[in-house]
Amino acid sequence: METVVIADYDPEWVREYGQEKQAIEEALADIVAAVEHIGSTAKPIIDIMAGVHRLEALTEAHIERLAAIGYEYVPKPDWPERRFFRRGRWRAGTHHLHIYRHGDPHWKAQLLFRDYVRAHPDIREQYSQLKLELASLYPHDLRRVYSAEGAVHRARAAPGARGRPKPVLIRTGFAHVRPSLLGSRV
């Protein structure tokens, strides 16, 4: 049975991301517009986002080149806005690669959330506490943790007054996330 692990920040992740970015850019050289580090504070997994001009441009040859550097394509019918790749064993991956259409609303929402958390240490701490809380609630259910985290990402990215993310009570079906953990104090 899997165990949810929440890891403390490790500065090594930045170096690892730099290596991965270069390899991903080479594998997708003819279609990639940008590669971004969008997270790596939990499980511990390095989350990477690559932007392409058209998702349809991602071919079997690209999938094979990504496989050659360790990324397995994992079809996700519930995620038509992106293509998902995992590096590492099933349920124990070390890296996630999300390929979006560069500049689309999903791409922008990921960057908005990342940048907001980076710019607001109090929100970063609240988000960290949320992950710890979710891990304690669901110590053997990574899917529930991901689902609740995803709901927070979506709520934080929804613009409120003056362009700030709006506070929202999230009901994920798995956990009720308090508004304070979503940054209602901002």
N, C-alpha and C. Protein backbone atom coordinates (compact mmCIF):
# COMPACT_ATOMS: atom_id res chain seq x y z
N MET A 1 0.85 -1.18 0.00
CA MET A 1 0.00 0.00 0.00
C MET A 1 0.90 1.25 0.00
N GLU A 2 0.56 2.21 -0.84
CA GLU A 2 1.34 3.44 -0.93
C GLU A 2 1.18 4.29 0.33
N THR A 3 2.20 5.04 0.65
CA THR A 3 2.15 5.98 1.76
C THR A 3 2.43 7.37 1.22
N VAL A 4 1.58 8.30 1.58
CA VAL A 4 1.75 9.68 1.14
C VAL A 4 2.89 10.29 1.95
N VAL A 5 3.86 10.86 1.25
CA VAL A 5 5.01 11.49 1.88
C VAL A 5 5.02 12.97 1.48
N ILE A 6 5.11 13.85 2.45
CA ILE A 6 5.25 15.27 2.18
C ILE A 6 6.69 15.63 2.57
N ALA A 7 7.45 16.06 1.60
CA ALA A 7 8.87 16.34 1.82
C ALA A 7 9.11 17.82 2.05
N ASP A 8 10.09 18.13 2.88
CA ASP A 8 10.53 19.51 3.04
C ASP A 8 11.21 19.95 1.75
N TYR A 9 11.22 21.26 1.54
CA TYR A 9 11.88 21.82 0.36
C TYR A 9 13.34 21.36 0.30
N ASP A 10 13.76 21.00 -0.89
CA ASP A 10 15.14 20.57 -1.10
C ASP A 10 15.71 21.41 -2.24
N PRO A 11 16.75 22.22 -1.98
CA PRO A 11 17.31 23.06 -3.04
C PRO A 11 17.85 22.25 -4.22
N GLU A 12 18.07 20.98 -4.03
CA GLU A 12 18.54 20.10 -5.11
C GLU A 12 17.49 20.01 -6.23
N TRP A 13 16.22 20.22 -5.89
CA TRP A 13 15.16 20.14 -6.90
C TRP A 13 15.36 21.16 -8.01
N VAL A 14 15.88 22.32 -7.69
CA VAL A 14 16.12 23.35 -8.71
C VAL A 14 17.16 22.85 -9.71
N ARG A 15 18.24 22.25 -9.21
CA ARG A 15 19.27 21.70 -10.10
C ARG A 15 18.70 20.57 -10.95
N GLU A 16 17.94 19.68 -10.30
CA GLU A 16 17.32 18.57 -11.04
C GLU A 16 16.40 19.10 -12.14
N TYR A 17 15.60 20.11 -11.80
CA TYR A 17 14.71 20.70 -12.79
C TYR A 17 15.51 21.22 -13.98
N GLY A 18 16.62 21.90 -13.72
CA GLY A 18 17.45 22.44 -14.81
C GLY A 18 17.92 21.35 -15.76
N GLN A 19 18.31 20.21 -15.20
CA GLN A 19 18.73 19.07 -16.05
C GLN A 19 17.55 18.54 -16.85
N GLU A 20 16.42 18.40 -16.19
CA GLU A 20 15.24 17.87 -16.87
C GLU A 20 14.76 18.82 -17.96
N LYS A 21 14.78 20.12 -17.66
CA LYS A 21 14.35 21.12 -18.64
C LYS A 21 15.14 20.97 -19.93
N GLN A 22 16.45 20.86 -19.80
CA GLN A 22 17.30 20.74 -20.99
C GLN A 22 16.95 19.48 -21.78
N ALA A 23 16.77 18.36 -21.10
CA ALA A 23 16.45 17.10 -21.78
C ALA A 23 15.07 17.17 -22.45
N ILE A 24 14.11 17.78 -21.78
CA ILE A 24 12.76 17.90 -22.34
C ILE A 24 12.78 18.82 -23.56
N GLU A 25 13.51 19.93 -23.45
CA GLU A 25 13.61 20.85 -24.59
C GLU A 25 14.23 20.15 -25.80
N GLU A 26 15.20 19.30 -25.57
CA GLU A 26 15.82 18.56 -26.68
C GLU A 26 14.84 17.55 -27.26
N ALA A 27 14.09 16.86 -26.40
CA ALA A 27 13.14 15.84 -26.88
C ALA A 27 11.98 16.46 -27.66
N LEU A 28 11.61 17.68 -27.30
CA LEU A 28 10.47 18.35 -27.94
C LEU A 28 10.91 19.56 -28.77
N ALA A 29 12.16 19.57 -29.18
CA ALA A 29 12.78 20.76 -29.79
C ALA A 29 11.95 21.39 -30.90
N ASP A 30 11.29 20.59 -31.72
CA ASP A 30 10.58 21.15 -32.86
C ASP A 30 9.19 21.67 -32.53
N ILE A 31 8.71 21.45 -31.28
CA ILE A 31 7.35 21.92 -30.95
C ILE A 31 7.27 22.70 -29.63
N VAL A 32 8.30 22.68 -28.80
CA VAL A 32 8.21 23.30 -27.47
C VAL A 32 8.38 24.82 -27.55
N ALA A 33 7.54 25.52 -26.80
CA ALA A 33 7.63 26.98 -26.71
C ALA A 33 8.26 27.40 -25.38
N ALA A 34 8.03 26.63 -24.33
CA ALA A 34 8.57 26.97 -23.00
C ALA A 34 8.48 25.75 -22.10
N VAL A 35 9.36 25.72 -21.10
CA VAL A 35 9.34 24.68 -20.07
C VAL A 35 9.45 25.40 -18.73
N GLU A 36 8.57 25.06 -17.79
CA GLU A 36 8.51 25.74 -16.50
C GLU A 36 8.52 24.73 -15.36
N HIS A 37 9.13 25.12 -14.25
CA HIS A 37 9.09 24.34 -13.01
C HIS A 37 7.88 24.83 -12.23
N ILE A 38 6.88 23.97 -12.03
CA ILE A 38 5.65 24.44 -11.39
C ILE A 38 5.45 23.90 -9.99
N GLY A 39 6.40 23.12 -9.49
CA GLY A 39 6.27 22.67 -8.12
C GLY A 39 7.11 21.45 -7.83
N SER A 40 7.33 21.20 -6.54
CA SER A 40 8.06 20.01 -6.13
C SER A 40 8.14 19.91 -4.62
N THR A 41 7.08 20.32 -3.94
CA THR A 41 7.16 20.34 -2.49
C THR A 41 6.52 19.14 -1.82
N ALA A 42 5.95 18.25 -2.57
CA ALA A 42 5.27 17.14 -1.93
C ALA A 42 5.57 15.83 -2.63
N LYS A 43 5.50 14.82 -1.93
CA LYS A 43 5.49 13.42 -2.32
C LYS A 43 6.84 12.77 -2.53
N PRO A 44 8.03 13.25 -2.63
CA PRO A 44 8.45 14.45 -3.35
C PRO A 44 8.49 14.18 -4.85
N ILE A 45 7.86 15.01 -5.59
CA ILE A 45 7.79 14.90 -7.05
C ILE A 45 8.11 16.26 -7.64
N ILE A 46 8.94 16.28 -8.67
CA ILE A 46 9.23 17.52 -9.38
C ILE A 46 8.20 17.66 -10.49
N ASP A 47 7.39 18.72 -10.39
CA ASP A 47 6.35 18.97 -11.39
C ASP A 47 6.87 19.96 -12.42
N ILE A 48 6.79 19.54 -13.68
CA ILE A 48 7.29 20.33 -14.80
C ILE A 48 6.16 20.52 -15.81
N MET A 49 6.11 21.69 -16.40
CA MET A 49 5.11 21.99 -17.41
C MET A 49 5.83 22.43 -18.68
N ALA A 50 5.47 21.81 -19.79
CA ALA A 50 5.99 22.20 -21.10
C ALA A 50 4.83 22.76 -21.91
N GLY A 51 5.11 23.85 -22.61
CA GLY A 51 4.10 24.45 -23.47
C GLY A 51 4.43 24.23 -24.92
N VAL A 52 3.44 23.79 -25.67
CA VAL A 52 3.58 23.60 -27.12
C VAL A 52 2.53 24.46 -27.81
N HIS A 53 2.76 24.78 -29.08
CA HIS A 53 1.80 25.64 -29.78
C HIS A 53 0.49 24.93 -30.05
N ARG A 54 0.55 23.61 -30.28
CA ARG A 54 -0.67 22.81 -30.50
C ARG A 54 -0.44 21.44 -29.88
N LEU A 55 -1.39 20.98 -29.07
CA LEU A 55 -1.26 19.64 -28.48
C LEU A 55 -1.21 18.56 -29.56
N GLU A 56 -1.92 18.81 -30.67
CA GLU A 56 -1.96 17.84 -31.75
C GLU A 56 -0.58 17.65 -32.39
N ALA A 57 0.33 18.58 -32.16
CA ALA A 57 1.67 18.48 -32.73
C ALA A 57 2.52 17.45 -31.98
N LEU A 58 2.07 17.03 -30.81
CA LEU A 58 2.79 16.01 -30.04
C LEU A 58 2.54 14.66 -30.72
N THR A 59 3.58 14.11 -31.32
CA THR A 59 3.46 12.88 -32.11
C THR A 59 4.04 11.69 -31.35
N GLU A 60 3.87 10.53 -31.95
CA GLU A 60 4.45 9.31 -31.39
C GLU A 60 5.97 9.44 -31.30
N ALA A 61 6.59 10.12 -32.25
CA ALA A 61 8.04 10.32 -32.21
C ALA A 61 8.44 11.13 -30.97
N HIS A 62 7.64 12.13 -30.61
CA HIS A 62 7.92 12.91 -29.39
C HIS A 62 7.76 12.04 -28.15
N ILE A 63 6.70 11.25 -28.14
CA ILE A 63 6.45 10.35 -27.01
C ILE A 63 7.61 9.37 -26.86
N GLU A 64 8.13 8.87 -27.96
CA GLU A 64 9.27 7.95 -27.91
C GLU A 64 10.53 8.66 -27.42
N ARG A 65 10.74 9.91 -27.85
CA ARG A 65 11.92 10.66 -27.36
C ARG A 65 11.81 10.94 -25.87
N LEU A 66 10.60 11.24 -25.39
CA LEU A 66 10.42 11.44 -23.96
C LEU A 66 10.63 10.13 -23.20
N ALA A 67 10.17 9.03 -23.77
CA ALA A 67 10.39 7.71 -23.14
C ALA A 67 11.88 7.41 -23.04
N ALA A 68 12.65 7.82 -24.04
CA ALA A 68 14.09 7.56 -24.04
C ALA A 68 14.81 8.31 -22.91
N ILE A 69 14.20 9.39 -22.40
CA ILE A 69 14.80 10.10 -21.26
C ILE A 69 14.05 9.79 -19.96
N GLY A 70 13.22 8.76 -20.00
CA GLY A 70 12.60 8.25 -18.78
C GLY A 70 11.17 8.65 -18.50
N TYR A 71 10.51 9.34 -19.43
CA TYR A 71 9.13 9.79 -19.21
C TYR A 71 8.14 8.88 -19.92
N GLU A 72 7.28 8.27 -19.14
CA GLU A 72 6.24 7.39 -19.67
C GLU A 72 4.96 8.19 -19.89
N TYR A 73 4.39 8.05 -21.09
CA TYR A 73 3.12 8.71 -21.38
C TYR A 73 2.02 7.97 -20.64
N VAL A 74 1.18 8.72 -19.91
CA VAL A 74 0.06 8.16 -19.17
C VAL A 74 -1.21 8.84 -19.67
N PRO A 75 -1.95 8.18 -20.57
CA PRO A 75 -3.18 8.80 -21.08
C PRO A 75 -4.15 9.12 -19.94
N LYS A 76 -4.69 10.31 -19.96
CA LYS A 76 -5.65 10.76 -18.94
C LYS A 76 -6.86 11.34 -19.66
N PRO A 77 -7.87 10.51 -19.97
CA PRO A 77 -9.05 11.01 -20.69
C PRO A 77 -9.76 12.16 -19.98
N ASP A 78 -9.62 12.23 -18.65
CA ASP A 78 -10.27 13.31 -17.90
C ASP A 78 -9.53 14.63 -18.01
N TRP A 79 -8.36 14.62 -18.66
CA TRP A 79 -7.55 15.83 -18.81
C TRP A 79 -7.33 16.14 -20.28
N PRO A 80 -8.37 16.54 -21.01
CA PRO A 80 -8.19 16.80 -22.45
C PRO A 80 -7.32 18.02 -22.74
N GLU A 81 -7.11 18.89 -21.74
CA GLU A 81 -6.34 20.11 -21.94
C GLU A 81 -4.84 19.89 -21.86
N ARG A 82 -4.40 18.68 -21.55
CA ARG A 82 -2.96 18.41 -21.41
C ARG A 82 -2.64 16.96 -21.70
N ARG A 83 -1.34 16.72 -21.85
CA ARG A 83 -0.82 15.35 -21.94
C ARG A 83 0.07 15.17 -20.73
N PHE A 84 -0.01 13.98 -20.12
CA PHE A 84 0.68 13.73 -18.87
C PHE A 84 1.72 12.63 -19.03
N PHE A 85 2.90 12.86 -18.46
CA PHE A 85 3.99 11.90 -18.48
C PHE A 85 4.53 11.76 -17.06
N ARG A 86 4.94 10.55 -16.73
CA ARG A 86 5.49 10.28 -15.41
C ARG A 86 6.87 9.67 -15.56
N ARG A 87 7.77 10.08 -14.69
CA ARG A 87 9.09 9.46 -14.63
C ARG A 87 9.16 8.72 -13.30
N GLY A 88 9.52 7.45 -13.35
CA GLY A 88 9.56 6.64 -12.14
C GLY A 88 8.45 5.61 -12.14
N ARG A 89 8.48 4.79 -11.11
CA ARG A 89 7.50 3.69 -11.01
C ARG A 89 6.08 4.21 -10.79
N TRP A 90 5.10 3.40 -11.18
CA TRP A 90 3.70 3.70 -10.95
C TRP A 90 3.47 3.95 -9.47
N ARG A 91 2.80 5.04 -9.15
CA ARG A 91 2.49 5.45 -7.79
C ARG A 91 3.73 5.82 -6.97
N ALA A 92 4.90 5.84 -7.63
CA ALA A 92 6.13 6.22 -6.94
C ALA A 92 7.02 7.02 -7.88
N GLY A 93 6.39 7.82 -8.73
CA GLY A 93 7.14 8.61 -9.69
C GLY A 93 7.97 9.69 -9.01
N THR A 94 8.99 10.13 -9.71
CA THR A 94 9.86 11.18 -9.18
C THR A 94 9.64 12.51 -9.89
N HIS A 95 9.08 12.46 -11.11
CA HIS A 95 8.85 13.65 -11.91
C HIS A 95 7.51 13.51 -12.63
N HIS A 96 6.80 14.60 -12.72
CA HIS A 96 5.59 14.67 -13.54
C HIS A 96 5.81 15.74 -14.59
N LEU A 97 5.45 15.41 -15.83
CA LEU A 97 5.55 16.36 -16.94
C LEU A 97 4.14 16.56 -17.50
N HIS A 98 3.68 17.79 -17.45
CA HIS A 98 2.38 18.17 -17.98
C HIS A 98 2.62 19.00 -19.23
N ILE A 99 2.09 18.56 -20.35
CA ILE A 99 2.25 19.32 -21.59
C ILE A 99 0.92 19.99 -21.93
N TYR A 100 0.94 21.31 -21.98
CA TYR A 100 -0.23 22.13 -22.27
C TYR A 100 0.01 22.90 -23.56
N ARG A 101 -1.08 23.44 -24.11
CA ARG A 101 -0.93 24.40 -25.19
C ARG A 101 -0.40 25.68 -24.55
N HIS A 102 0.70 26.16 -25.05
CA HIS A 102 1.36 27.34 -24.48
C HIS A 102 0.43 28.55 -24.53
N GLY A 103 0.25 29.18 -23.39
CA GLY A 103 -0.55 30.39 -23.32
C GLY A 103 -2.03 30.17 -23.12
N ASP A 104 -2.53 28.92 -23.13
CA ASP A 104 -3.96 28.72 -22.93
C ASP A 104 -4.32 28.97 -21.47
N PRO A 105 -5.60 29.03 -21.12
CA PRO A 105 -5.99 29.34 -19.75
C PRO A 105 -5.41 28.37 -18.70
N HIS A 106 -5.26 27.10 -19.05
CA HIS A 106 -4.71 26.12 -18.11
C HIS A 106 -3.23 26.42 -17.85
N TRP A 107 -2.51 26.74 -18.92
CA TRP A 107 -1.10 27.12 -18.79
C TRP A 107 -0.96 28.34 -17.87
N LYS A 108 -1.77 29.36 -18.16
CA LYS A 108 -1.71 30.59 -17.38
C LYS A 108 -2.09 30.36 -15.92
N ALA A 109 -3.08 29.51 -15.68
CA ALA A 109 -3.51 29.23 -14.30
C ALA A 109 -2.39 28.57 -13.50
N GLN A 110 -1.65 27.65 -14.12
CA GLN A 110 -0.53 27.01 -13.42
C GLN A 110 0.52 28.04 -13.03
N LEU A 111 0.84 28.93 -13.95
CA LEU A 111 1.85 29.95 -13.67
C LEU A 111 1.35 30.95 -12.62
N LEU A 112 0.08 31.32 -12.70
CA LEU A 112 -0.49 32.25 -11.73
C LEU A 112 -0.40 31.66 -10.33
N PHE A 113 -0.78 30.39 -10.18
CA PHE A 113 -0.72 29.76 -8.86
C PHE A 113 0.72 29.68 -8.36
N ARG A 114 1.62 29.20 -9.21
CA ARG A 114 3.03 29.09 -8.81
C ARG A 114 3.60 30.44 -8.38
N ASP A 115 3.37 31.45 -9.20
CA ASP A 115 3.93 32.76 -8.91
C ASP A 115 3.32 33.38 -7.66
N TYR A 116 2.04 33.15 -7.44
CA TYR A 116 1.37 33.70 -6.26
C TYR A 116 1.94 33.06 -4.99
N VAL A 117 2.10 31.76 -5.01
CA VAL A 117 2.65 31.06 -3.84
C VAL A 117 4.09 31.49 -3.59
N ARG A 118 4.86 31.65 -4.65
CA ARG A 118 6.24 32.10 -4.49
C ARG A 118 6.31 33.51 -3.88
N ALA A 119 5.38 34.38 -4.27
CA ALA A 119 5.42 35.78 -3.84
C ALA A 119 4.83 36.02 -2.46
N HIS A 120 4.12 35.05 -1.91
CA HIS A 120 3.43 35.23 -0.63
C HIS A 120 3.84 34.12 0.34
N PRO A 121 4.86 34.38 1.18
CA PRO A 121 5.33 33.35 2.11
C PRO A 121 4.23 32.82 3.04
N ASP A 122 3.29 33.68 3.44
CA ASP A 122 2.21 33.20 4.31
C ASP A 122 1.32 32.20 3.58
N ILE A 123 1.06 32.43 2.32
CA ILE A 123 0.26 31.50 1.52
C ILE A 123 1.04 30.21 1.30
N ARG A 124 2.33 30.34 1.02
CA ARG A 124 3.19 29.16 0.84
C ARG A 124 3.14 28.29 2.10
N GLU A 125 3.21 28.91 3.26
CA GLU A 125 3.16 28.16 4.53
C GLU A 125 1.79 27.51 4.71
N GLN A 126 0.73 28.24 4.39
CA GLN A 126 -0.63 27.67 4.50
C GLN A 126 -0.79 26.48 3.56
N TYR A 127 -0.26 26.61 2.36
CA TYR A 127 -0.34 25.51 1.38
C TYR A 127 0.45 24.30 1.88
N SER A 128 1.60 24.55 2.45
CA SER A 128 2.40 23.47 3.03
C SER A 128 1.63 22.78 4.15
N GLN A 129 0.99 23.56 5.01
CA GLN A 129 0.20 22.99 6.10
C GLN A 129 -0.99 22.19 5.57
N LEU A 130 -1.60 22.69 4.49
CA LEU A 130 -2.70 21.96 3.87
C LEU A 130 -2.23 20.59 3.41
N LYS A 131 -1.07 20.53 2.76
CA LYS A 131 -0.56 19.25 2.28
C LYS A 131 -0.31 18.29 3.44
N LEU A 132 0.24 18.81 4.53
CA LEU A 132 0.47 17.97 5.70
C LEU A 132 -0.85 17.46 6.27
N GLU A 133 -1.84 18.34 6.31
CA GLU A 133 -3.17 17.96 6.80
C GLU A 133 -3.79 16.87 5.91
N LEU A 134 -3.69 17.06 4.61
CA LEU A 134 -4.24 16.06 3.68
C LEU A 134 -3.51 14.73 3.83
N ALA A 135 -2.19 14.77 3.98
CA ALA A 135 -1.43 13.54 4.15
C ALA A 135 -1.83 12.81 5.43
N SER A 136 -2.15 13.57 6.47
CA SER A 136 -2.57 12.91 7.71
C SER A 136 -4.00 12.36 7.59
N LEU A 137 -4.84 13.05 6.84
CA LEU A 137 -6.21 12.56 6.63
C LEU A 137 -6.25 11.33 5.73
N TYR A 138 -5.38 11.30 4.72
CA TYR A 138 -5.38 10.24 3.72
C TYR A 138 -3.97 9.68 3.55
N PRO A 139 -3.42 9.04 4.58
CA PRO A 139 -2.01 8.62 4.53
C PRO A 139 -1.71 7.57 3.47
N HIS A 140 -2.74 6.91 2.96
CA HIS A 140 -2.53 5.86 1.95
C HIS A 140 -3.36 6.10 0.70
N ASP A 141 -3.72 7.36 0.44
CA ASP A 141 -4.57 7.65 -0.71
C ASP A 141 -4.08 8.90 -1.43
N LEU A 142 -3.04 8.71 -2.23
CA LEU A 142 -2.43 9.83 -2.94
C LEU A 142 -3.42 10.49 -3.90
N ARG A 143 -4.33 9.71 -4.47
CA ARG A 143 -5.32 10.29 -5.39
C ARG A 143 -6.19 11.33 -4.69
N ARG A 144 -6.59 11.07 -3.45
CA ARG A 144 -7.39 12.05 -2.71
C ARG A 144 -6.58 13.30 -2.41
N VAL A 145 -5.32 13.11 -2.05
CA VAL A 145 -4.46 14.26 -1.79
C VAL A 145 -4.32 15.10 -3.06
N TYR A 146 -4.06 14.43 -4.19
CA TYR A 146 -3.94 15.16 -5.47
C TYR A 146 -5.23 15.89 -5.80
N SER A 147 -6.37 15.24 -5.58
CA SER A 147 -7.65 15.84 -5.91
C SER A 147 -7.89 17.11 -5.10
N ALA A 148 -7.61 17.05 -3.81
CA ALA A 148 -7.80 18.23 -2.97
C ALA A 148 -6.81 19.32 -3.33
N GLU A 149 -5.56 18.95 -3.60
CA GLU A 149 -4.57 19.95 -4.03
C GLU A 149 -5.01 20.61 -5.33
N GLY A 150 -5.51 19.82 -6.26
CA GLY A 150 -5.97 20.35 -7.54
C GLY A 150 -7.10 21.35 -7.37
N ALA A 151 -8.00 21.05 -6.44
CA ALA A 151 -9.10 21.98 -6.18
C ALA A 151 -8.58 23.30 -5.64
N VAL A 152 -7.55 23.24 -4.80
CA VAL A 152 -6.96 24.47 -4.27
C VAL A 152 -6.29 25.25 -5.40
N HIS A 153 -5.57 24.55 -6.27
CA HIS A 153 -4.93 25.23 -7.41
C HIS A 153 -5.99 25.96 -8.24
N ARG A 154 -7.08 25.28 -8.55
CA ARG A 154 -8.12 25.90 -9.38
C ARG A 154 -8.74 27.10 -8.68
N ALA A 155 -8.99 26.99 -7.38
CA ALA A 155 -9.60 28.10 -6.64
C ALA A 155 -8.65 29.28 -6.54
N ARG A 156 -7.37 29.02 -6.29
CA ARG A 156 -6.39 30.10 -6.15
C ARG A 156 -6.17 30.81 -7.48
N ALA A 157 -6.31 30.10 -8.58
CA ALA A 157 -6.06 30.71 -9.88
C ALA A 157 -7.25 31.53 -10.39
N ALA A 158 -8.41 31.37 -9.77
CA ALA A 158 -9.58 32.13 -10.20
C ALA A 158 -9.42 33.58 -9.73
N PRO A 159 -9.33 34.53 -10.66
CA PRO A 159 -9.06 35.91 -10.24
C PRO A 159 -10.22 36.53 -9.48
N GLY A 160 -9.92 37.22 -8.42
CA GLY A 160 -10.91 37.94 -7.63
C GLY A 160 -10.73 39.43 -7.83
N ALA A 161 -11.09 40.18 -6.84
CA ALA A 161 -10.96 41.63 -6.91
C ALA A 161 -9.50 42.04 -7.11
N ARG A 162 -9.28 43.03 -7.94
CA ARG A 162 -7.96 43.59 -8.21
C ARG A 162 -6.95 42.52 -8.66
N GLY A 163 -7.44 41.47 -9.33
CA GLY A 163 -6.53 40.48 -9.88
C GLY A 163 -5.99 39.47 -8.89
N ARG A 164 -6.39 39.60 -7.61
CA ARG A 164 -5.91 38.63 -6.63
C ARG A 164 -6.78 37.39 -6.67
N PRO A 165 -6.19 36.24 -6.42
CA PRO A 165 -7.01 35.03 -6.34
C PRO A 165 -8.08 35.19 -5.25
N LYS A 166 -9.27 34.72 -5.54
CA LYS A 166 -10.37 34.89 -4.60
C LYS A 166 -10.41 33.75 -3.58
N PRO A 167 -10.81 34.02 -2.34
CA PRO A 167 -10.97 32.96 -1.35
C PRO A 167 -12.24 32.17 -1.65
N VAL A 168 -12.13 30.87 -1.56
CA VAL A 168 -13.25 29.99 -1.88
C VAL A 168 -13.21 28.82 -0.92
N LEU A 169 -14.36 28.35 -0.48
CA LEU A 169 -14.41 27.12 0.30
C LEU A 169 -14.48 25.97 -0.70
N ILE A 170 -13.53 25.08 -0.61
CA ILE A 170 -13.45 23.96 -1.54
C ILE A 170 -14.10 22.74 -0.92
N ARG A 171 -15.01 22.14 -1.63
CA ARG A 171 -15.57 20.86 -1.22
C ARG A 171 -15.18 19.87 -2.30
N THR A 172 -14.19 19.06 -2.00
CA THR A 172 -13.62 18.19 -3.01
C THR A 172 -14.33 16.84 -3.07
N GLY A 173 -15.16 16.53 -2.11
CA GLY A 173 -15.70 15.19 -2.03
C GLY A 173 -14.80 14.32 -1.17
N PHE A 174 -13.61 14.77 -0.93
CA PHE A 174 -12.66 14.02 -0.13
C PHE A 174 -12.33 14.76 1.16
N ALA A 175 -12.28 16.07 1.08
CA ALA A 175 -11.93 16.87 2.26
C ALA A 175 -12.57 18.24 2.11
N HIS A 176 -12.88 18.85 3.21
CA HIS A 176 -13.35 20.22 3.19
C HIS A 176 -12.16 21.08 3.55
N VAL A 177 -11.73 21.90 2.64
CA VAL A 177 -10.55 22.72 2.83
C VAL A 177 -11.00 24.08 3.36
N ARG A 178 -10.47 24.46 4.51
CA ARG A 178 -10.84 25.73 5.14
C ARG A 178 -10.43 26.91 4.27
N PRO A 179 -11.24 27.97 4.21
CA PRO A 179 -10.86 29.14 3.43
C PRO A 179 -9.51 29.71 3.83
N SER A 180 -9.14 29.64 5.10
CA SER A 180 -7.86 30.20 5.51
C SER A 180 -6.70 29.49 4.80
N LEU A 181 -6.86 28.22 4.47
CA LEU A 181 -5.81 27.50 3.77
C LEU A 181 -5.76 27.89 2.31
N LEU A 182 -6.77 28.58 1.85
CA LEU A 182 -6.77 29.05 0.47
C LEU A 182 -6.32 30.50 0.40
N GLY A 183 -6.00 31.08 1.54
CA GLY A 183 -5.46 32.44 1.52
C GLY A 183 -6.53 33.51 1.61
N SER A 184 -7.60 33.27 2.33
CA SER A 184 -8.67 34.27 2.41
C SER A 184 -8.20 35.53 3.12
N ARG A 185 -7.02 35.50 3.76
CA ARG A 185 -6.52 36.67 4.46
C ARG A 185 -5.89 37.67 3.50
N VAL A 186 -5.67 37.31 2.24
CA VAL A 186 -5.00 38.22 1.32
C VAL A 186 -5.96 39.28 0.83
